[in-house]
Amino acid sequence: MRYTTYTKYNGTLLDAVNVQDLLDQLADFLLQSGFAGGPQFHPWWGITGEEGEDRSLDALKAALLQALIDSGQLTPEMLKELRGEGSGNEKVRDQLAELLDQLVQQMVEEGYINLEQQPQMPGAYKQMAGEGRIDEASAAQQVEFNLTQKGVDFLGYRTLKQLLSAVGRSSFGSHDTPHQATGIEAESASKPYEFGDTLNLDIPATLKNALGRTGLQVPLDLDYGDLMVHQAEYRSSCATVLLLDISHSMILYGEDRFTPAKKVALALSHLIRTQYPGDTLNVVTFGDRAQQIPFGQLARTQVGPYHTNTAEGLKLARRLLLAQNKDMRQIVMITDGKPSAITLPDGRIYKNPAGLDPRVIRETLAEVAACRKSGILINTFMLAREAALIQFVAKVCEMARGKAYFTNTMTLGQYVMRDFLKRRTKRIK
């Protein structure tokens, strides 16, 4: 006979921690921007004391520890040890170190991050401490973490959920138009089937017609006129290019404006993939030059010592939109500065950061006019309020028949989502 012995389950600290909530708290850290020139790089006056992007395992554990403290998930004994008020209990410190290791391991196992060894210079080595054991702190700094696609999707989902809650929407759907068509989603009364309709049968209404015509008999005599189909609102499709400014001002002056912009991009991506399957979203960054970036690289994208080549950004966005056969085309531009650069015909970059250069403004407005001629809407989200800049943005809106939103990093996502969800749709003839 087999016997099973049951013992009392003693939960661990890890059981009480919600990894997804921690990831949500770590969003700013995981999407941190920094300068493309490297850690502690400043484009104007060289090396400074500002912290650069740190992707080491040691930095991740430090961020996890801070998140645990902020969320109140540490025991009173652990908090005392961290504050230096404890008795130097090694057991408590070991428990805390083990908890951080377990959290990192769980994040890896659940597919939110991956770890990789930093490349080492040939021949480089470090003296091992003790009897052949590598120093753990040094080893942690040699391992980097990276967000996986699942991690990026999760952060986009959480950001989207927060933004939709902030704008007062509990649910959302596709871009509605006043026209009715047969489709998959039933949202109104059914109608008699007509040639060309999607055969999305309203079975109860169809059976009711047949029974009302012939009465209850077997087999059921089903006629063409008995068929009823569900109606669904006609869905228009939209192509969107999110145009992100990566010039130096997006992270200077004591405020990181680029990380909130990246979070908006992730939220828009998640919204379109899950609720607007007919839509497309591309991301274009513009500094000295403009380039399209895949979503997989968005989390690691950084600002740099760049000027603001708005004209080239609009030109690339227009080319991407015209290549897509969609009912609507729009550009969502997030920036904090005036145009200060253009690309010359020979490929060189003309730069003038002082004031609104007439040559730069003329080229930029020419691209705005080209977008309007192509039927592309431009909505601009400004993270600054300079008087000259306001006049320039007003001119862009007038030419492109778009809207301008002067916002800050705290409300940027709400403004973008509100505009995206409430924008007018064109009528499908």
Protein backbone atom coordinates (compact mmCIF):
# COMPACT_ATOMS: atom_id res chain seq x y z
CA MET A 1 0.00 0.00 0.00
CA ARG A 2 1.27 3.43 -0.95
CA TYR A 3 1.31 6.19 1.64
CA THR A 4 1.39 9.93 1.06
CA THR A 5 2.73 12.20 3.75
CA TYR A 6 1.44 15.74 3.84
CA THR A 7 3.35 18.55 5.52
CA LYS A 8 2.42 22.14 6.22
CA TYR A 9 3.15 24.43 3.26
CA ASN A 10 5.43 27.28 4.18
CA GLY A 11 5.20 29.94 1.52
CA THR A 12 8.22 31.94 0.40
CA LEU A 13 8.55 35.68 -0.10
CA LEU A 14 8.37 35.11 -3.84
CA ASP A 15 4.84 33.72 -3.51
CA ALA A 16 3.63 37.07 -2.18
CA VAL A 17 5.14 39.12 -5.01
CA ASN A 18 3.24 39.87 -8.21
CA VAL A 19 5.85 39.98 -10.97
CA GLN A 20 3.53 41.70 -13.44
CA ASP A 21 2.83 44.53 -10.98
CA LEU A 22 6.58 44.91 -10.48
CA LEU A 23 7.11 45.08 -14.24
CA ASP A 24 4.48 47.79 -14.42
CA GLN A 25 6.37 49.79 -11.79
CA LEU A 26 9.63 49.23 -13.66
CA ALA A 27 8.28 50.52 -16.99
CA ASP A 28 10.25 53.77 -16.92
CA PHE A 29 13.44 51.93 -15.97
CA LEU A 30 13.01 49.22 -18.61
CA LEU A 31 12.31 51.80 -21.33
CA GLN A 32 14.91 54.30 -20.17
CA SER A 33 16.33 56.34 -23.00
CA GLY A 34 19.67 58.01 -22.42
CA PHE A 35 21.94 59.44 -25.07
CA ALA A 36 23.02 57.41 -28.07
CA GLY A 37 26.55 58.68 -27.53
CA GLY A 38 26.93 56.34 -24.56
CA PRO A 39 26.68 56.57 -20.76
CA GLN A 40 27.31 60.01 -19.28
CA PHE A 41 27.63 61.58 -22.72
CA HIS A 42 26.44 65.14 -23.24
CA PRO A 43 26.34 66.59 -26.76
CA TRP A 44 27.32 70.13 -25.87
CA TRP A 45 29.77 70.10 -22.98
CA GLY A 46 31.15 66.59 -22.94
CA ILE A 47 31.24 64.26 -19.94
CA THR A 48 28.92 65.14 -17.07
CA GLY A 49 27.78 63.52 -13.86
CA GLU A 50 24.42 62.55 -15.34
CA GLU A 51 23.64 58.87 -15.32
CA GLY A 52 23.48 57.08 -18.64
CA GLU A 53 21.51 54.00 -19.58
CA ASP A 54 22.47 51.02 -17.42
CA ARG A 55 21.31 47.62 -18.67
CA SER A 56 23.36 45.54 -16.23
CA LEU A 57 21.86 42.82 -14.07
CA ASP A 58 23.08 44.76 -11.05
CA ALA A 59 21.03 47.80 -12.13
CA LEU A 60 17.96 45.60 -12.68
CA LYS A 61 18.21 44.20 -9.16
CA ALA A 62 18.58 47.70 -7.75
CA ALA A 63 15.45 48.80 -9.61
CA LEU A 64 13.57 45.70 -8.40
CA LEU A 65 14.59 46.45 -4.84
CA GLN A 66 13.31 50.01 -5.11
CA ALA A 67 10.04 48.78 -6.59
CA LEU A 68 9.62 46.34 -3.71
CA ILE A 69 10.23 49.13 -1.22
CA ASP A 70 7.77 51.49 -2.95
CA SER A 71 5.07 48.81 -3.11
CA GLY A 72 5.50 47.83 0.54
CA GLN A 73 6.22 44.17 -0.19
CA LEU A 74 9.27 43.81 2.06
CA THR A 75 9.13 42.58 5.63
CA PRO A 76 9.81 45.08 8.46
CA GLU A 77 13.08 43.26 9.22
CA MET A 78 14.28 43.70 5.64
CA LEU A 79 13.41 47.38 5.65
CA LYS A 80 15.34 47.92 8.87
CA GLU A 81 18.39 46.22 7.38
CA LEU A 82 18.16 48.37 4.27
CA ARG A 83 17.91 51.53 6.37
CA GLY A 84 20.88 50.48 8.45
CA GLU A 85 18.70 50.25 11.57
CA GLY A 86 18.93 46.47 11.89
CA SER A 87 21.33 44.32 13.86
CA GLY A 88 23.30 43.21 10.82
CA ASN A 89 21.39 39.97 10.47
CA GLU A 90 23.07 38.01 7.69
CA LYS A 91 20.07 35.71 7.36
CA VAL A 92 17.78 38.62 6.48
CA ARG A 93 20.27 39.94 3.93
CA ASP A 94 20.58 36.50 2.38
CA GLN A 95 16.79 36.25 2.13
CA LEU A 96 16.66 39.61 0.36
CA ALA A 97 19.44 38.66 -2.08
CA GLU A 98 17.73 35.33 -2.77
CA LEU A 99 14.40 37.10 -3.41
CA LEU A 100 15.99 39.40 -5.99
CA ASP A 101 17.65 36.44 -7.72
CA GLN A 102 14.35 34.56 -7.79
CA LEU A 103 12.50 37.56 -9.23
CA VAL A 104 15.05 37.92 -12.04
CA GLN A 105 14.86 34.19 -12.71
CA GLN A 106 11.06 34.28 -12.81
CA MET A 107 11.09 37.22 -15.24
CA VAL A 108 13.42 35.21 -17.49
CA GLU A 109 11.37 32.00 -17.22
CA GLU A 110 8.12 33.82 -18.00
CA GLY A 111 9.75 35.36 -21.06
CA TYR A 112 9.70 39.06 -20.13
CA ILE A 113 13.47 39.56 -20.30
CA ASN A 114 16.56 37.68 -21.40
CA LEU A 115 20.11 37.85 -20.08
CA GLU A 116 23.31 37.92 -22.05
CA GLN A 117 27.01 38.26 -21.24
CA GLN A 118 28.63 41.51 -22.24
CA PRO A 119 31.32 41.07 -24.89
CA GLN A 120 34.80 41.04 -23.36
CA MET A 121 38.01 42.31 -24.89
CA PRO A 122 40.34 39.51 -25.99
CA GLY A 123 42.80 38.61 -23.29
CA ALA A 124 40.95 40.55 -20.62
CA TYR A 125 40.65 38.86 -17.27
CA LYS A 126 40.00 39.64 -13.62
CA GLN A 127 41.63 38.18 -10.56
CA MET A 128 39.18 35.81 -8.89
CA ALA A 129 38.48 36.41 -5.24
CA GLY A 130 38.81 33.67 -2.64
CA GLU A 131 39.39 30.09 -3.64
CA GLY A 132 38.57 30.29 -7.32
CA ARG A 133 35.18 32.03 -6.91
CA ILE A 134 34.19 34.94 -9.10
CA ASP A 135 33.07 38.06 -7.28
CA GLU A 136 29.25 38.10 -7.56
CA ALA A 137 28.94 41.90 -7.79
CA SER A 138 31.43 42.00 -10.64
CA ALA A 139 29.67 39.14 -12.40
CA ALA A 140 26.31 40.88 -12.11
CA GLN A 141 27.70 43.96 -13.81
CA GLN A 142 29.01 41.87 -16.72
CA VAL A 143 25.54 40.50 -17.53
CA GLU A 144 23.07 42.65 -19.44
CA PHE A 145 19.30 42.26 -19.60
CA ASN A 146 17.09 42.95 -22.60
CA LEU A 147 13.34 43.16 -22.93
CA THR A 148 11.82 40.37 -25.01
CA GLN A 149 8.92 40.90 -27.40
CA LYS A 150 6.60 39.55 -24.71
CA GLY A 151 7.98 42.11 -22.27
CA VAL A 152 7.45 44.92 -24.76
CA ASP A 153 3.89 43.72 -25.46
CA PHE A 154 3.13 43.54 -21.75
CA LEU A 155 4.33 47.09 -21.13
CA GLY A 156 2.29 48.27 -24.11
CA TYR A 157 -0.80 46.52 -22.74
CA ARG A 158 -0.37 47.98 -19.26
CA THR A 159 0.26 51.48 -20.62
CA LEU A 160 -2.78 51.23 -22.87
CA LYS A 161 -4.95 50.07 -19.97
CA GLN A 162 -3.82 53.02 -17.84
CA LEU A 163 -4.33 55.53 -20.64
CA LEU A 164 -7.80 54.30 -21.53
CA SER A 165 -8.75 54.44 -17.88
CA ALA A 166 -7.41 58.01 -17.68
CA VAL A 167 -9.48 59.20 -20.64
CA GLY A 168 -12.62 57.60 -19.22
CA ARG A 169 -13.17 54.76 -21.67
CA SER A 170 -13.99 51.32 -20.36
CA SER A 171 -14.13 49.72 -23.78
CA PHE A 172 -13.14 50.54 -27.32
CA GLY A 173 -13.69 49.33 -30.83
CA SER A 174 -12.78 50.06 -34.42
CA HIS A 175 -13.12 53.32 -36.34
CA ASP A 176 -16.85 53.67 -36.78
CA THR A 177 -18.60 55.07 -39.86
CA PRO A 178 -22.32 55.67 -40.40
CA HIS A 179 -22.56 52.92 -43.03
CA GLN A 180 -23.89 49.46 -42.29
CA ALA A 181 -22.40 46.29 -43.76
CA THR A 182 -22.55 42.58 -43.03
CA GLY A 183 -19.55 41.42 -41.09
CA ILE A 184 -18.42 39.30 -38.17
CA GLU A 185 -19.46 41.54 -35.28
CA ALA A 186 -23.21 41.86 -34.79
CA GLU A 187 -24.05 45.30 -33.43
CA SER A 188 -27.53 46.08 -34.80
CA ALA A 189 -30.75 44.45 -36.01
CA SER A 190 -30.44 41.74 -38.65
CA LYS A 191 -31.69 42.26 -42.19
CA PRO A 192 -32.83 40.08 -45.13
CA TYR A 193 -29.94 38.60 -47.04
CA GLU A 194 -29.00 40.30 -50.29
CA PHE A 195 -26.60 39.06 -52.91
CA GLY A 196 -23.07 40.14 -52.00
CA ASP A 197 -23.62 40.20 -48.23
CA THR A 198 -21.34 38.21 -45.98
CA LEU A 199 -23.27 35.09 -45.03
CA ASN A 200 -23.20 35.85 -41.31
CA LEU A 201 -26.58 34.22 -40.60
CA ASP A 202 -28.88 35.31 -37.83
CA ILE A 203 -30.04 31.73 -37.21
CA PRO A 204 -32.96 32.45 -34.81
CA ALA A 205 -34.43 35.09 -37.16
CA THR A 206 -33.94 32.82 -40.19
CA LEU A 207 -35.70 29.88 -38.49
CA LYS A 208 -38.51 32.15 -37.32
CA ASN A 209 -39.17 33.27 -40.90
CA ALA A 210 -39.20 29.70 -42.19
CA LEU A 211 -41.50 28.43 -39.42
CA GLY A 212 -43.83 31.39 -39.85
CA ARG A 213 -44.15 30.65 -43.55
CA THR A 214 -44.56 26.83 -43.51
CA GLY A 215 -45.27 25.90 -39.94
CA LEU A 216 -43.49 23.24 -37.93
CA GLN A 217 -42.55 20.36 -40.18
CA VAL A 218 -39.63 18.05 -40.84
CA PRO A 219 -37.65 18.50 -42.95
CA LEU A 220 -37.71 22.28 -42.60
CA ASP A 221 -38.46 24.07 -45.86
CA LEU A 222 -35.88 26.88 -45.92
CA ASP A 223 -36.30 29.40 -48.73
CA TYR A 224 -34.01 32.16 -50.03
CA GLY A 225 -36.33 34.86 -48.66
CA ASP A 226 -36.11 33.42 -45.13
CA LEU A 227 -32.42 34.19 -44.79
CA MET A 228 -31.53 36.91 -42.31
CA VAL A 229 -27.97 38.19 -41.75
CA HIS A 230 -26.43 40.15 -38.92
CA GLN A 231 -25.48 43.73 -39.61
CA ALA A 232 -22.25 45.19 -38.39
CA GLU A 233 -20.96 48.72 -38.70
CA TYR A 234 -18.70 49.23 -41.68
CA ARG A 235 -15.10 49.47 -40.51
CA SER A 236 -12.71 51.89 -42.16
CA SER A 237 -9.00 51.16 -42.10
CA CYS A 238 -6.31 53.62 -41.14
CA ALA A 239 -2.56 53.83 -41.70
CA THR A 240 -0.67 55.73 -39.02
CA VAL A 241 2.94 56.83 -38.76
CA LEU A 242 4.13 57.80 -35.31
CA LEU A 243 6.84 60.42 -35.82
CA LEU A 244 9.15 60.63 -32.77
CA ASP A 245 11.63 63.44 -32.18
CA ILE A 246 15.05 62.10 -31.00
CA SER A 247 16.87 65.43 -30.89
CA HIS A 248 19.01 66.30 -27.86
CA SER A 249 16.30 68.40 -26.17
CA MET A 250 14.05 65.37 -25.67
CA ILE A 251 16.10 64.30 -22.66
CA LEU A 252 17.92 67.43 -21.53
CA TYR A 253 16.99 70.15 -19.05
CA GLY A 254 16.29 67.69 -16.24
CA GLU A 255 13.36 65.93 -17.92
CA ASP A 256 13.16 62.73 -19.93
CA ARG A 257 10.54 63.42 -22.57
CA PHE A 258 11.40 60.49 -24.81
CA THR A 259 10.54 57.60 -22.51
CA PRO A 260 6.87 58.70 -22.21
CA ALA A 261 6.79 58.99 -26.01
CA LYS A 262 8.03 55.40 -26.32
CA LYS A 263 5.34 54.22 -23.92
CA VAL A 264 2.71 55.91 -26.08
CA ALA A 265 4.12 54.12 -29.12
CA LEU A 266 3.90 50.74 -27.38
CA ALA A 267 0.34 51.44 -26.25
CA LEU A 268 -0.74 52.47 -29.75
CA SER A 269 0.86 49.36 -31.20
CA HIS A 270 -1.00 47.11 -28.76
CA LEU A 271 -4.30 48.91 -29.39
CA ILE A 272 -4.02 48.57 -33.17
CA ARG A 273 -2.96 44.92 -33.12
CA THR A 274 -5.76 43.86 -30.77
CA GLN A 275 -8.66 46.17 -31.69
CA TYR A 276 -7.97 47.49 -35.20
CA PRO A 277 -6.65 44.50 -37.17
CA GLY A 278 -7.10 46.35 -40.45
CA ASP A 279 -4.90 49.25 -39.35
CA THR A 280 -1.16 49.68 -39.61
CA LEU A 281 1.29 51.59 -37.44
CA ASN A 282 4.87 52.49 -38.34
CA VAL A 283 7.38 54.34 -36.19
CA VAL A 284 9.76 56.90 -37.65
CA THR A 285 12.39 58.73 -35.60
CA PHE A 286 13.87 62.02 -36.71
CA GLY A 287 16.98 63.83 -35.51
CA ASP A 288 19.61 64.94 -37.99
CA ARG A 289 18.14 62.27 -40.27
CA ALA A 290 14.89 60.31 -40.28
CA GLN A 291 14.61 56.54 -40.24
CA GLN A 292 11.96 53.89 -39.77
CA ILE A 293 12.57 51.58 -36.81
CA PRO A 294 10.98 48.19 -36.07
CA PHE A 295 9.00 47.86 -32.86
CA GLY A 296 11.51 45.33 -31.58
CA GLN A 297 14.11 48.10 -31.36
CA LEU A 298 11.85 50.75 -29.85
CA ALA A 299 12.58 49.88 -26.22
CA ARG A 300 16.33 50.41 -26.77
CA THR A 301 16.05 53.52 -28.96
CA GLN A 302 17.87 56.55 -27.58
CA VAL A 303 17.98 60.25 -28.28
CA GLY A 304 21.30 61.66 -29.44
CA PRO A 305 23.28 64.82 -30.06
CA TYR A 306 20.97 65.66 -32.95
CA HIS A 307 19.13 68.62 -34.42
CA THR A 308 15.48 68.44 -35.52
CA ASN A 309 15.02 67.51 -39.18
CA THR A 310 11.22 67.63 -39.22
CA ALA A 311 11.09 67.94 -43.02
CA GLU A 312 12.84 64.62 -43.63
CA GLY A 313 10.69 62.94 -41.00
CA LEU A 314 7.50 64.11 -42.75
CA LYS A 315 8.88 63.09 -46.14
CA LEU A 316 9.65 59.53 -44.98
CA ALA A 317 6.30 59.25 -43.18
CA ARG A 318 4.47 60.39 -46.31
CA ARG A 319 6.29 57.81 -48.43
CA LEU A 320 5.38 55.01 -46.00
CA LEU A 321 1.71 56.05 -45.91
CA LEU A 322 1.32 56.37 -49.67
CA ALA A 323 2.59 52.82 -50.07
CA GLN A 324 -0.46 51.54 -48.15
CA ASN A 325 -3.95 51.23 -49.57
CA LYS A 326 -5.99 52.50 -46.61
CA ASP A 327 -9.12 54.61 -46.23
CA MET A 328 -7.34 57.03 -43.90
CA ARG A 329 -3.75 58.10 -43.55
CA GLN A 330 -2.38 60.15 -40.68
CA ILE A 331 0.83 61.27 -39.00
CA VAL A 332 1.06 61.58 -35.22
CA MET A 333 4.10 63.73 -34.51
CA ILE A 334 5.56 64.03 -31.00
CA THR A 335 8.23 66.69 -30.62
CA ASP A 336 9.45 69.36 -28.23
CA GLY A 337 11.32 71.72 -30.49
CA LYS A 338 11.32 73.78 -33.61
CA PRO A 339 12.72 72.48 -36.91
CA SER A 340 16.44 73.19 -37.00
CA ALA A 341 17.78 71.06 -39.88
CA ILE A 342 16.98 70.01 -43.44
CA THR A 343 18.54 67.57 -45.89
CA LEU A 344 20.10 69.26 -48.93
CA PRO A 345 19.79 67.77 -52.44
CA ASP A 346 23.37 66.48 -52.25
CA GLY A 347 22.64 64.61 -49.00
CA ARG A 348 24.38 67.02 -46.65
CA ILE A 349 22.57 68.30 -43.55
CA TYR A 350 21.99 72.03 -43.20
CA LYS A 351 21.67 72.95 -39.50
CA ASN A 352 20.74 76.16 -37.71
CA PRO A 353 19.52 75.78 -34.12
CA ALA A 354 19.27 79.53 -33.56
CA GLY A 355 15.68 80.69 -33.98
CA LEU A 356 13.35 79.74 -36.81
CA ASP A 357 15.60 79.66 -39.87
CA PRO A 358 13.58 80.78 -42.94
CA ARG A 359 15.20 78.16 -45.15
CA VAL A 360 14.43 75.34 -42.71
CA ILE A 361 10.86 76.54 -42.17
CA ARG A 362 10.26 76.87 -45.92
CA GLU A 363 11.39 73.28 -46.59
CA THR A 364 9.39 71.94 -43.64
CA LEU A 365 6.18 73.68 -44.70
CA ALA A 366 6.70 72.38 -48.24
CA GLU A 367 6.58 68.83 -46.83
CA VAL A 368 3.46 69.74 -44.84
CA ALA A 369 1.83 70.94 -48.06
CA ALA A 370 2.82 67.70 -49.80
CA CYS A 371 1.13 65.71 -47.02
CA ARG A 372 -2.07 67.70 -47.38
CA LYS A 373 -2.04 67.22 -51.15
CA SER A 374 -1.75 63.46 -50.54
CA GLY A 375 -4.71 63.52 -48.14
CA ILE A 376 -2.56 62.85 -45.06
CA LEU A 377 -3.65 64.35 -41.75
CA ILE A 378 -0.95 65.65 -39.39
CA ASN A 379 -1.68 65.87 -35.66
CA THR A 380 1.11 67.45 -33.64
CA PHE A 381 1.77 66.86 -29.95
CA MET A 382 4.13 69.52 -28.58
CA LEU A 383 6.05 69.17 -25.34
CA ALA A 384 7.00 72.88 -25.27
CA ARG A 385 5.19 76.23 -25.33
CA GLU A 386 7.54 78.80 -26.88
CA ALA A 387 5.70 81.70 -28.57
CA ALA A 388 7.50 81.31 -31.91
CA LEU A 389 6.95 77.56 -31.81
CA ILE A 390 3.23 77.99 -31.19
CA GLN A 391 2.96 80.18 -34.30
CA PHE A 392 4.82 77.61 -36.39
CA VAL A 393 2.63 74.72 -35.18
CA ALA A 394 -0.50 76.79 -35.83
CA LYS A 395 0.67 77.25 -39.42
CA VAL A 396 1.26 73.49 -39.77
CA CYS A 397 -2.26 72.75 -38.50
CA GLU A 398 -3.78 75.32 -40.83
CA MET A 399 -2.03 73.81 -43.85
CA ALA A 400 -2.53 70.15 -42.95
CA ARG A 401 -6.04 70.53 -41.47
CA GLY A 402 -4.78 68.76 -38.38
CA LYS A 403 -4.75 69.50 -34.68
CA ALA A 404 -2.12 70.71 -32.24
CA TYR A 405 -1.91 69.63 -28.62
CA PHE A 406 0.41 71.44 -26.23
CA THR A 407 0.93 68.96 -23.44
CA ASN A 408 3.53 67.59 -21.02
CA THR A 409 5.00 64.19 -20.28
CA MET A 410 2.31 63.41 -17.70
CA THR A 411 -0.64 63.99 -20.05
CA LEU A 412 0.95 63.14 -23.42
CA GLY A 413 -0.45 59.60 -23.55
CA GLN A 414 -3.96 60.71 -22.63
CA TYR A 415 -4.01 63.33 -25.36
CA VAL A 416 -2.71 60.93 -28.00
CA MET A 417 -5.20 58.20 -27.08
CA ARG A 418 -8.14 60.59 -26.88
CA ASP A 419 -7.30 61.97 -30.31
CA PHE A 420 -6.76 58.52 -31.83
CA LEU A 421 -10.03 57.12 -30.50
CA LYS A 422 -12.21 60.15 -31.28
CA ARG A 423 -10.82 61.28 -34.61
CA ARG A 424 -13.28 61.70 -37.44
CA THR A 425 -13.41 59.06 -40.11
CA LYS A 426 -13.93 59.67 -43.79
CA ARG A 427 -17.15 58.42 -45.36
CA ILE A 428 -16.87 55.34 -47.55
CA LYS A 429 -18.89 55.84 -50.72
